[in-house]
């Protein structure tokens, strides 16, 4: 009778795990490619560098504080590697 009232109760106590081989099989069956190692290409933005007059910056964003505040943007000049941080 309790399994009819709480049919999902027993599932919360199961530990589910799988090997990387199984996850590779799942990716192959779904047609998903695996992450290939290589050079990471950062997003770029057009902005004038005050130090070298270059007009291209690479940027990344990161959540530095609590979730209710905006992300912090880190800009790096592609020529002189000068960095700018914006909140």
PDB file of N, CA and C in Angstrom:
ATOM      1  N   UNK A   1       0.816  -1.197   0.000  1.00  0.00           N
ATOM      2  CA  UNK A   1       0.000   0.000   0.000  1.00  0.00           C
ATOM      3  C   UNK A   1       0.861   1.262   0.000  1.00  0.00           C
ATOM      4  N   UNK A   2       1.954   1.289   0.771  1.00  0.00           N
ATOM      5  CA  UNK A   2       2.796   2.482   0.832  1.00  0.00           C
ATOM      6  C   UNK A   2       3.447   2.783  -0.519  1.00  0.00           C
ATOM      7  N   UNK A   3       3.705   1.753  -1.327  1.00  0.00           N
ATOM      8  CA  UNK A   3       4.298   2.008  -2.633  1.00  0.00           C
ATOM      9  C   UNK A   3       3.313   2.700  -3.564  1.00  0.00           C
ATOM     10  N   UNK A   4       2.013   2.560  -3.309  1.00  0.00           N
ATOM     11  CA  UNK A   4       1.020   3.269  -4.115  1.00  0.00           C
ATOM     12  C   UNK A   4       0.914   4.730  -3.687  1.00  0.00           C
ATOM     13  N   UNK A   5       1.068   4.992  -2.411  1.00  0.00           N
ATOM     14  CA  UNK A   5       0.973   6.353  -1.901  1.00  0.00           C
ATOM     15  C   UNK A   5       2.254   7.128  -2.196  1.00  0.00           C
ATOM     16  N   UNK A   6       3.400   6.494  -2.010  1.00  0.00           N
ATOM     17  CA  UNK A   6       4.693   7.122  -2.227  1.00  0.00           C
ATOM     18  C   UNK A   6       5.496   6.330  -3.277  1.00  0.00           C
ATOM     19  N   UNK A   7       5.068   6.342  -4.532  1.00  0.00           N
ATOM     20  CA  UNK A   7       5.738   5.498  -5.527  1.00  0.00           C
ATOM     21  C   UNK A   7       7.182   5.902  -5.817  1.00  0.00           C
ATOM     22  N   UNK A   8       7.570   7.142  -5.558  1.00  0.00           N
ATOM     23  CA  UNK A   8       8.922   7.589  -5.868  1.00  0.00           C
ATOM     24  C   UNK A   8       9.854   7.568  -4.655  1.00  0.00           C
ATOM     25  N   UNK A   9       9.370   7.234  -3.495  1.00  0.00           N
ATOM     26  CA  UNK A   9      10.156   7.276  -2.273  1.00  0.00           C
ATOM     27  C   UNK A   9      11.406   6.404  -2.351  1.00  0.00           C
ATOM     28  N   UNK A  10      11.291   5.211  -2.866  1.00  0.00           N
ATOM     29  CA  UNK A  10      12.435   4.298  -2.909  1.00  0.00           C
ATOM     30  C   UNK A  10      13.513   4.768  -3.881  1.00  0.00           C
ATOM     31  N   UNK A  11      13.165   5.550  -4.889  1.00  0.00           N
ATOM     32  CA  UNK A  11      14.131   6.024  -5.864  1.00  0.00           C
ATOM     33  C   UNK A  11      15.097   7.044  -5.251  1.00  0.00           C
ATOM     34  N   UNK A  12      14.645   7.797  -4.290  1.00  0.00           N
ATOM     35  CA  UNK A  12      15.506   8.823  -3.697  1.00  0.00           C
ATOM     36  C   UNK A  12      16.691   8.235  -2.940  1.00  0.00           C
ATOM     37  N   UNK A  13      16.655   6.971  -2.621  1.00  0.00           N
ATOM     38  CA  UNK A  13      17.728   6.358  -1.852  1.00  0.00           C
ATOM     39  C   UNK A  13      18.668   5.516  -2.708  1.00  0.00           C
ATOM     40  N   UNK A  14      18.473   5.505  -4.014  1.00  0.00           N
ATOM     41  CA  UNK A  14      19.354   4.756  -4.897  1.00  0.00           C
ATOM     42  C   UNK A  14      20.551   5.592  -5.295  1.00  0.00           C
ATOM     43  N   UNK A  15      21.673   4.951  -5.440  1.00  0.00           N
ATOM     44  CA  UNK A  15      22.867   5.629  -5.929  1.00  0.00           C
ATOM     45  C   UNK A  15      23.081   5.173  -7.371  1.00  0.00           C
ATOM     46  N   UNK A  16      23.100   6.144  -8.294  1.00  0.00           N
ATOM     47  CA  UNK A  16      23.248   5.821  -9.701  1.00  0.00           C
ATOM     48  C   UNK A  16      24.622   6.283 -10.149  1.00  0.00           C
ATOM     49  N   UNK A  17      25.337   5.398 -10.812  1.00  0.00           N
ATOM     50  CA  UNK A  17      26.646   5.762 -11.353  1.00  0.00           C
ATOM     51  C   UNK A  17      26.871   4.991 -12.649  1.00  0.00           C
ATOM     52  N   UNK A  18      27.760   5.504 -13.479  1.00  0.00           N
ATOM     53  CA  UNK A  18      28.116   4.816 -14.699  1.00  0.00           C
ATOM     54  C   UNK A  18      29.555   5.131 -15.037  1.00  0.00           C
ATOM     55  N   UNK A  19      30.111   4.324 -15.881  1.00  0.00           N
ATOM     56  CA  UNK A  19      31.512   4.540 -16.254  1.00  0.00           C
ATOM     57  C   UNK A  19      31.589   5.469 -17.454  1.00  0.00           C
ATOM     58  N   UNK A  20      32.781   5.950 -17.732  1.00  0.00           N
ATOM     59  CA  UNK A  20      32.964   6.828 -18.884  1.00  0.00           C
ATOM     60  C   UNK A  20      32.674   6.083 -20.181  1.00  0.00           C
ATOM     61  N   UNK A  21      32.849   4.771 -20.194  1.00  0.00           N
ATOM     62  CA  UNK A  21      32.556   3.979 -21.384  1.00  0.00           C
ATOM     63  C   UNK A  21      31.073   4.050 -21.718  1.00  0.00           C
ATOM     64  N   UNK A  22      30.230   3.972 -20.701  1.00  0.00           N
ATOM     65  CA  UNK A  22      28.790   4.055 -20.924  1.00  0.00           C
ATOM     66  C   UNK A  22      28.415   5.445 -21.425  1.00  0.00           C
ATOM     67  N   UNK A  23      28.982   6.496 -20.846  1.00  0.00           N
ATOM     68  CA  UNK A  23      28.664   7.843 -21.306  1.00  0.00           C
ATOM     69  C   UNK A  23      29.135   8.059 -22.740  1.00  0.00           C
ATOM     70  N   UNK A  24      30.260   7.455 -23.125  1.00  0.00           N
ATOM     71  CA  UNK A  24      30.711   7.545 -24.515  1.00  0.00           C
ATOM     72  C   UNK A  24      29.740   6.817 -25.436  1.00  0.00           C
ATOM     73  N   UNK A  25      29.223   5.662 -24.998  1.00  0.00           N
ATOM     74  CA  UNK A  25      28.231   4.928 -25.786  1.00  0.00           C
ATOM     75  C   UNK A  25      26.961   5.747 -25.969  1.00  0.00           C
ATOM     76  N   UNK A  26      26.528   6.426 -24.909  1.00  0.00           N
ATOM     77  CA  UNK A  26      25.324   7.260 -24.977  1.00  0.00           C
ATOM     78  C   UNK A  26      25.544   8.407 -25.958  1.00  0.00           C
ATOM     79  N   UNK A  27      26.695   9.079 -25.882  1.00  0.00           N
ATOM     80  CA  UNK A  27      26.998  10.174 -26.813  1.00  0.00           C
ATOM     81  C   UNK A  27      26.988   9.682 -28.260  1.00  0.00           C
ATOM     82  N   UNK A  28      27.579   8.525 -28.496  1.00  0.00           N
ATOM     83  CA  UNK A  28      27.629   7.966 -29.843  1.00  0.00           C
ATOM     84  C   UNK A  28      26.220   7.658 -30.354  1.00  0.00           C
ATOM     85  N   UNK A  29      25.382   7.062 -29.514  1.00  0.00           N
ATOM     86  CA  UNK A  29      24.008   6.732 -29.905  1.00  0.00           C
ATOM     87  C   UNK A  29      23.182   7.979 -30.199  1.00  0.00           C
ATOM     88  N   UNK A  30      23.425   9.053 -29.455  1.00  0.00           N
ATOM     89  CA  UNK A  30      22.680  10.296 -29.653  1.00  0.00           C
ATOM     90  C   UNK A  30      23.296  11.188 -30.726  1.00  0.00           C
ATOM     91  N   UNK A  31      24.443  10.784 -31.255  1.00  0.00           N
ATOM     92  CA  UNK A  31      25.105  11.576 -32.288  1.00  0.00           C
ATOM     93  C   UNK A  31      25.796  12.802 -31.741  1.00  0.00           C
ATOM     94  N   UNK A  32      26.145  12.779 -30.453  1.00  0.00           N
ATOM     95  CA  UNK A  32      26.816  13.915 -29.831  1.00  0.00           C
ATOM     96  C   UNK A  32      28.318  13.735 -29.952  1.00  0.00           C
ATOM     97  N   UNK A  33      29.030  14.812 -30.252  1.00  0.00           N
ATOM     98  CA  UNK A  33      30.484  14.727 -30.323  1.00  0.00           C
ATOM     99  C   UNK A  33      31.066  14.915 -28.930  1.00  0.00           C
ATOM    100  N   UNK A  34      32.196  14.314 -28.705  1.00  0.00           N
ATOM    101  CA  UNK A  34      32.883  14.503 -27.428  1.00  0.00           C
ATOM    102  C   UNK A  34      33.724  15.761 -27.525  1.00  0.00           C
ATOM    103  N   UNK A  35      34.061  16.316 -26.383  1.00  0.00           N
ATOM    104  CA  UNK A  35      34.886  17.520 -26.342  1.00  0.00           C
ATOM    105  C   UNK A  35      36.283  17.161 -26.817  1.00  0.00           C
ATOM    106  N   UNK A  36      36.744  17.881 -27.818  1.00  0.00           N
ATOM    107  CA  UNK A  36      38.087  17.652 -28.327  1.00  0.00           C
ATOM    108  C   UNK A  36      39.027  18.697 -27.748  1.00  0.00           C
ATOM    109  N   UNK A  37      40.162  18.239 -27.276  1.00  0.00           N
ATOM    110  CA  UNK A  37      41.137  19.171 -26.732  1.00  0.00           C
ATOM    111  C   UNK A  37      41.763  19.964 -27.859  1.00  0.00           C
ATOM    112  N   UNK A  38      42.059  21.186 -27.592  1.00  0.00           N
ATOM    113  CA  UNK A  38      42.665  22.057 -28.588  1.00  0.00           C
ATOM    114  C   UNK A  38      42.753  23.458 -28.028  1.00  0.00           C
ATOM    115  N   UNK A  39      43.062  24.388 -28.879  1.00  0.00           N
ATOM    116  CA  UNK A  39      43.185  25.765 -28.445  1.00  0.00           C
ATOM    117  C   UNK A  39      41.805  26.369 -28.234  1.00  0.00           C
ATOM    118  N   UNK A  40      41.618  27.002 -27.108  1.00  0.00           N
ATOM    119  CA  UNK A  40      40.361  27.645 -26.779  1.00  0.00           C
ATOM    120  C   UNK A  40      40.335  29.034 -27.390  1.00  0.00           C
ATOM    121  N   UNK A  41      39.319  29.347 -28.171  1.00  0.00           N
ATOM    122  CA  UNK A  41      39.177  30.653 -28.810  1.00  0.00           C
ATOM    123  C   UNK A  41      38.181  31.458 -28.002  1.00  0.00           C
ATOM    124  N   UNK A  42      38.641  32.564 -27.424  1.00  0.00           N
ATOM    125  CA  UNK A  42      37.777  33.417 -26.626  1.00  0.00           C
ATOM    126  C   UNK A  42      36.966  34.347 -27.520  1.00  0.00           C
ATOM    127  N   UNK A  43      35.830  34.803 -27.012  1.00  0.00           N
ATOM    128  CA  UNK A  43      35.012  35.770 -27.723  1.00  0.00           C
ATOM    129  C   UNK A  43      35.764  37.091 -27.798  1.00  0.00           C
ATOM    130  N   UNK A  44      35.536  37.838 -28.890  1.00  0.00           N
ATOM    131  CA  UNK A  44      36.225  39.119 -29.050  1.00  0.00           C
ATOM    132  C   UNK A  44      35.219  40.258 -29.155  1.00  0.00           C
ATOM    133  N   UNK A  45      35.693  41.435 -28.828  1.00  0.00           N
ATOM    134  CA  UNK A  45      34.875  42.643 -28.893  1.00  0.00           C
ATOM    135  C   UNK A  45      35.753  43.771 -29.450  1.00  0.00           C
ATOM    136  N   UNK A  46      35.137  44.671 -30.196  1.00  0.00           N
ATOM    137  CA  UNK A  46      35.861  45.818 -30.722  1.00  0.00           C
ATOM    138  C   UNK A  46      35.832  46.939 -29.699  1.00  0.00           C
ATOM    139  N   UNK A  47      37.018  47.321 -29.260  1.00  0.00           N
ATOM    140  CA  UNK A  47      37.171  48.378 -28.256  1.00  0.00           C
ATOM    141  C   UNK A  47      38.606  48.871 -28.323  1.00  0.00           C
ATOM    142  N   UNK A  48      38.826  50.149 -28.219  1.00  0.00           N
ATOM    143  CA  UNK A  48      40.155  50.743 -28.327  1.00  0.00           C
ATOM    144  C   UNK A  48      40.944  50.552 -27.029  1.00  0.00           C
ATOM    145  N   UNK A  49      42.147  49.994 -27.150  1.00  0.00           N
ATOM    146  CA  UNK A  49      43.044  49.834 -26.003  1.00  0.00           C
ATOM    147  C   UNK A  49      43.730  51.169 -25.739  1.00  0.00           C
ATOM    148  N   UNK A  50      43.691  51.616 -24.500  1.00  0.00           N
ATOM    149  CA  UNK A  50      44.306  52.898 -24.134  1.00  0.00           C
ATOM    150  C   UNK A  50      45.835  52.830 -24.129  1.00  0.00           C
ATOM    151  N   UNK A  51      46.398  51.638 -23.998  1.00  0.00           N
ATOM    152  CA  UNK A  51      47.861  51.516 -23.922  1.00  0.00           C
ATOM    153  C   UNK A  51      48.521  51.365 -25.290  1.00  0.00           C
ATOM    154  N   UNK A  52      47.905  50.611 -26.206  1.00  0.00           N
ATOM    155  CA  UNK A  52      48.587  50.344 -27.480  1.00  0.00           C
ATOM    156  C   UNK A  52      47.749  50.697 -28.710  1.00  0.00           C
ATOM    157  N   UNK A  53      46.571  51.257 -28.535  1.00  0.00           N
ATOM    158  CA  UNK A  53      45.657  51.648 -29.621  1.00  0.00           C
ATOM    159  C   UNK A  53      45.140  50.481 -30.460  1.00  0.00           C
ATOM    160  N   UNK A  54      45.326  49.266 -30.008  1.00  0.00           N
ATOM    161  CA  UNK A  54      44.724  48.108 -30.674  1.00  0.00           C
ATOM    162  C   UNK A  54      43.205  48.210 -30.527  1.00  0.00           C
ATOM    163  N   UNK A  55      42.456  47.621 -31.453  1.00  0.00           N
ATOM    164  CA  UNK A  55      40.996  47.745 -31.378  1.00  0.00           C
ATOM    165  C   UNK A  55      40.278  46.416 -31.156  1.00  0.00           C
ATOM    166  N   UNK A  56      40.980  45.432 -30.602  1.00  0.00           N
ATOM    167  CA  UNK A  56      40.338  44.145 -30.348  1.00  0.00           C
ATOM    168  C   UNK A  56      40.698  43.618 -28.965  1.00  0.00           C
ATOM    169  N   UNK A  57      39.677  43.193 -28.222  1.00  0.00           N
ATOM    170  CA  UNK A  57      39.836  42.591 -26.899  1.00  0.00           C
ATOM    171  C   UNK A  57      39.179  41.225 -26.890  1.00  0.00           C
ATOM    172  N   UNK A  58      39.779  40.287 -26.202  1.00  0.00           N
ATOM    173  CA  UNK A  58      39.133  39.015 -25.885  1.00  0.00           C
ATOM    174  C   UNK A  58      38.439  39.214 -24.550  1.00  0.00           C
ATOM    175  N   UNK A  59      37.312  38.537 -24.355  1.00  0.00           N
ATOM    176  CA  UNK A  59      36.647  38.709 -23.075  1.00  0.00           C
ATOM    177  C   UNK A  59      36.020  37.416 -22.567  1.00  0.00           C
ATOM    178  N   UNK A  60      35.924  37.338 -21.252  1.00  0.00           N
ATOM    179  CA  UNK A  60      35.213  36.266 -20.567  1.00  0.00           C
ATOM    180  C   UNK A  60      34.356  36.903 -19.488  1.00  0.00           C
ATOM    181  N   UNK A  61      33.347  36.184 -19.053  1.00  0.00           N
ATOM    182  CA  UNK A  61      32.482  36.667 -17.974  1.00  0.00           C
ATOM    183  C   UNK A  61      32.429  35.606 -16.888  1.00  0.00           C
ATOM    184  N   UNK A  62      32.340  36.099 -15.651  1.00  0.00           N
ATOM    185  CA  UNK A  62      32.333  35.184 -14.514  1.00  0.00           C
ATOM    186  C   UNK A  62      31.422  35.742 -13.434  1.00  0.00           C
ATOM    187  N   UNK A  63      30.696  34.864 -12.769  1.00  0.00           N
ATOM    188  CA  UNK A  63      29.848  35.259 -11.648  1.00  0.00           C
ATOM    189  C   UNK A  63      30.735  35.288 -10.410  1.00  0.00           C
ATOM    190  N   UNK A  64      31.080  36.472  -9.943  1.00  0.00           N
ATOM    191  CA  UNK A  64      32.027  36.606  -8.835  1.00  0.00           C
ATOM    192  C   UNK A  64      31.331  36.732  -7.481  1.00  0.00           C
ATOM    193  N   UNK A  65      30.147  37.300  -7.475  1.00  0.00           N
ATOM    194  CA  UNK A  65      29.437  37.516  -6.209  1.00  0.00           C
ATOM    195  C   UNK A  65      28.156  36.694  -6.213  1.00  0.00           C
ATOM    196  N   UNK A  66      27.178  37.127  -5.495  1.00  0.00           N
ATOM    197  CA  UNK A  66      25.935  36.368  -5.400  1.00  0.00           C
ATOM    198  C   UNK A  66      25.184  36.375  -6.735  1.00  0.00           C
ATOM    199  N   UNK A  67      24.285  35.443  -6.891  1.00  0.00           N
ATOM    200  CA  UNK A  67      23.568  35.261  -8.153  1.00  0.00           C
ATOM    201  C   UNK A  67      22.670  36.438  -8.512  1.00  0.00           C
ATOM    202  N   UNK A  68      22.259  37.240  -7.535  1.00  0.00           N
ATOM    203  CA  UNK A  68      21.367  38.365  -7.837  1.00  0.00           C
ATOM    204  C   UNK A  68      22.130  39.595  -8.335  1.00  0.00           C
ATOM    205  N   UNK A  69      23.444  39.517  -8.420  1.00  0.00           N
ATOM    206  CA  UNK A  69      24.251  40.612  -8.957  1.00  0.00           C
ATOM    207  C   UNK A  69      24.762  40.221 -10.335  1.00  0.00           C
ATOM    208  N   UNK A  70      25.128  41.206 -11.131  1.00  0.00           N
ATOM    209  CA  UNK A  70      25.591  40.951 -12.493  1.00  0.00           C
ATOM    210  C   UNK A  70      26.931  40.245 -12.554  1.00  0.00           C
ATOM    211  N   UNK A  71      27.248  39.749 -13.734  1.00  0.00           N
ATOM    212  CA  UNK A  71      28.525  39.081 -13.951  1.00  0.00           C
ATOM    213  C   UNK A  71      29.640  40.111 -14.097  1.00  0.00           C
ATOM    214  N   UNK A  72      30.856  39.686 -13.788  1.00  0.00           N
ATOM    215  CA  UNK A  72      32.036  40.524 -13.995  1.00  0.00           C
ATOM    216  C   UNK A  72      32.639  40.155 -15.342  1.00  0.00           C
ATOM    217  N   UNK A  73      32.971  41.169 -16.154  1.00  0.00           N
ATOM    218  CA  UNK A  73      33.563  40.948 -17.474  1.00  0.00           C
ATOM    219  C   UNK A  73      35.053  41.243 -17.401  1.00  0.00           C
ATOM    220  N   UNK A  74      35.857  40.304 -17.911  1.00  0.00           N
ATOM    221  CA  UNK A  74      37.302  40.447 -17.961  1.00  0.00           C
ATOM    222  C   UNK A  74      37.711  40.603 -19.418  1.00  0.00           C
ATOM    223  N   UNK A  75      38.296  41.762 -19.756  1.00  0.00           N
ATOM    224  CA  UNK A  75      38.730  42.052 -21.118  1.00  0.00           C
ATOM    225  C   UNK A  75      40.249  42.024 -21.176  1.00  0.00           C
ATOM    226  N   UNK A  76      40.800  41.423 -22.224  1.00  0.00           N
ATOM    227  CA  UNK A  76      42.252  41.364 -22.416  1.00  0.00           C
ATOM    228  C   UNK A  76      42.575  41.800 -23.837  1.00  0.00           C
ATOM    229  N   UNK A  77      43.437  42.797 -23.958  1.00  0.00           N
ATOM    230  CA  UNK A  77      43.863  43.282 -25.272  1.00  0.00           C
ATOM    231  C   UNK A  77      44.591  42.154 -26.002  1.00  0.00           C
ATOM    232  N   UNK A  78      44.255  41.944 -27.265  1.00  0.00           N
ATOM    233  CA  UNK A  78      44.878  40.857 -28.035  1.00  0.00           C
ATOM    234  C   UNK A  78      46.310  41.186 -28.444  1.00  0.00           C
ATOM    235  N   UNK A  79      46.709  42.455 -28.348  1.00  0.00           N
ATOM    236  CA  UNK A  79      48.064  42.842 -28.749  1.00  0.00           C
ATOM    237  C   UNK A  79      49.010  42.953 -27.547  1.00  0.00           C
ATOM    238  N   UNK A  80      48.681  43.820 -26.580  1.00  0.00           N
ATOM    239  CA  UNK A  80      49.594  44.055 -25.452  1.00  0.00           C
ATOM    240  C   UNK A  80      49.228  43.260 -24.197  1.00  0.00           C
ATOM    241  N   UNK A  81      48.082  42.566 -24.210  1.00  0.00           N
ATOM    242  CA  UNK A  81      47.599  41.722 -23.103  1.00  0.00           C
ATOM    243  C   UNK A  81      47.226  42.528 -21.863  1.00  0.00           C
ATOM    244  N   UNK A  82      46.991  43.837 -22.011  1.00  0.00           N
ATOM    245  CA  UNK A  82      46.500  44.666 -20.912  1.00  0.00           C
ATOM    246  C   UNK A  82      45.103  44.174 -20.540  1.00  0.00           C
ATOM    247  N   UNK A  83      44.765  44.195 -19.264  1.00  0.00           N
ATOM    248  CA  UNK A  83      43.463  43.697 -18.835  1.00  0.00           C
ATOM    249  C   UNK A  83      42.609  44.796 -18.224  1.00  0.00           C
ATOM    250  N   UNK A  84      41.311  44.667 -18.441  1.00  0.00           N
ATOM    251  CA  UNK A  84      40.318  45.583 -17.891  1.00  0.00           C
ATOM    252  C   UNK A  84      39.243  44.716 -17.249  1.00  0.00           C
ATOM    253  N   UNK A  85      38.780  45.110 -16.076  1.00  0.00           N
ATOM    254  CA  UNK A  85      37.713  44.401 -15.384  1.00  0.00           C
ATOM    255  C   UNK A  85      36.522  45.335 -15.254  1.00  0.00           C
ATOM    256  N   UNK A  86      35.357  44.843 -15.658  1.00  0.00           N
ATOM    257  CA  UNK A  86      34.128  45.637 -15.542  1.00  0.00           C
ATOM    258  C   UNK A  86      33.105  44.861 -14.736  1.00  0.00           C
ATOM    259  N   UNK A  87      32.416  45.568 -13.832  1.00  0.00           N
ATOM    260  CA  UNK A  87      31.350  44.936 -13.042  1.00  0.00           C
ATOM    261  C   UNK A  87      30.004  45.233 -13.648  1.00  0.00           C
TER     262      UNK A  87
END
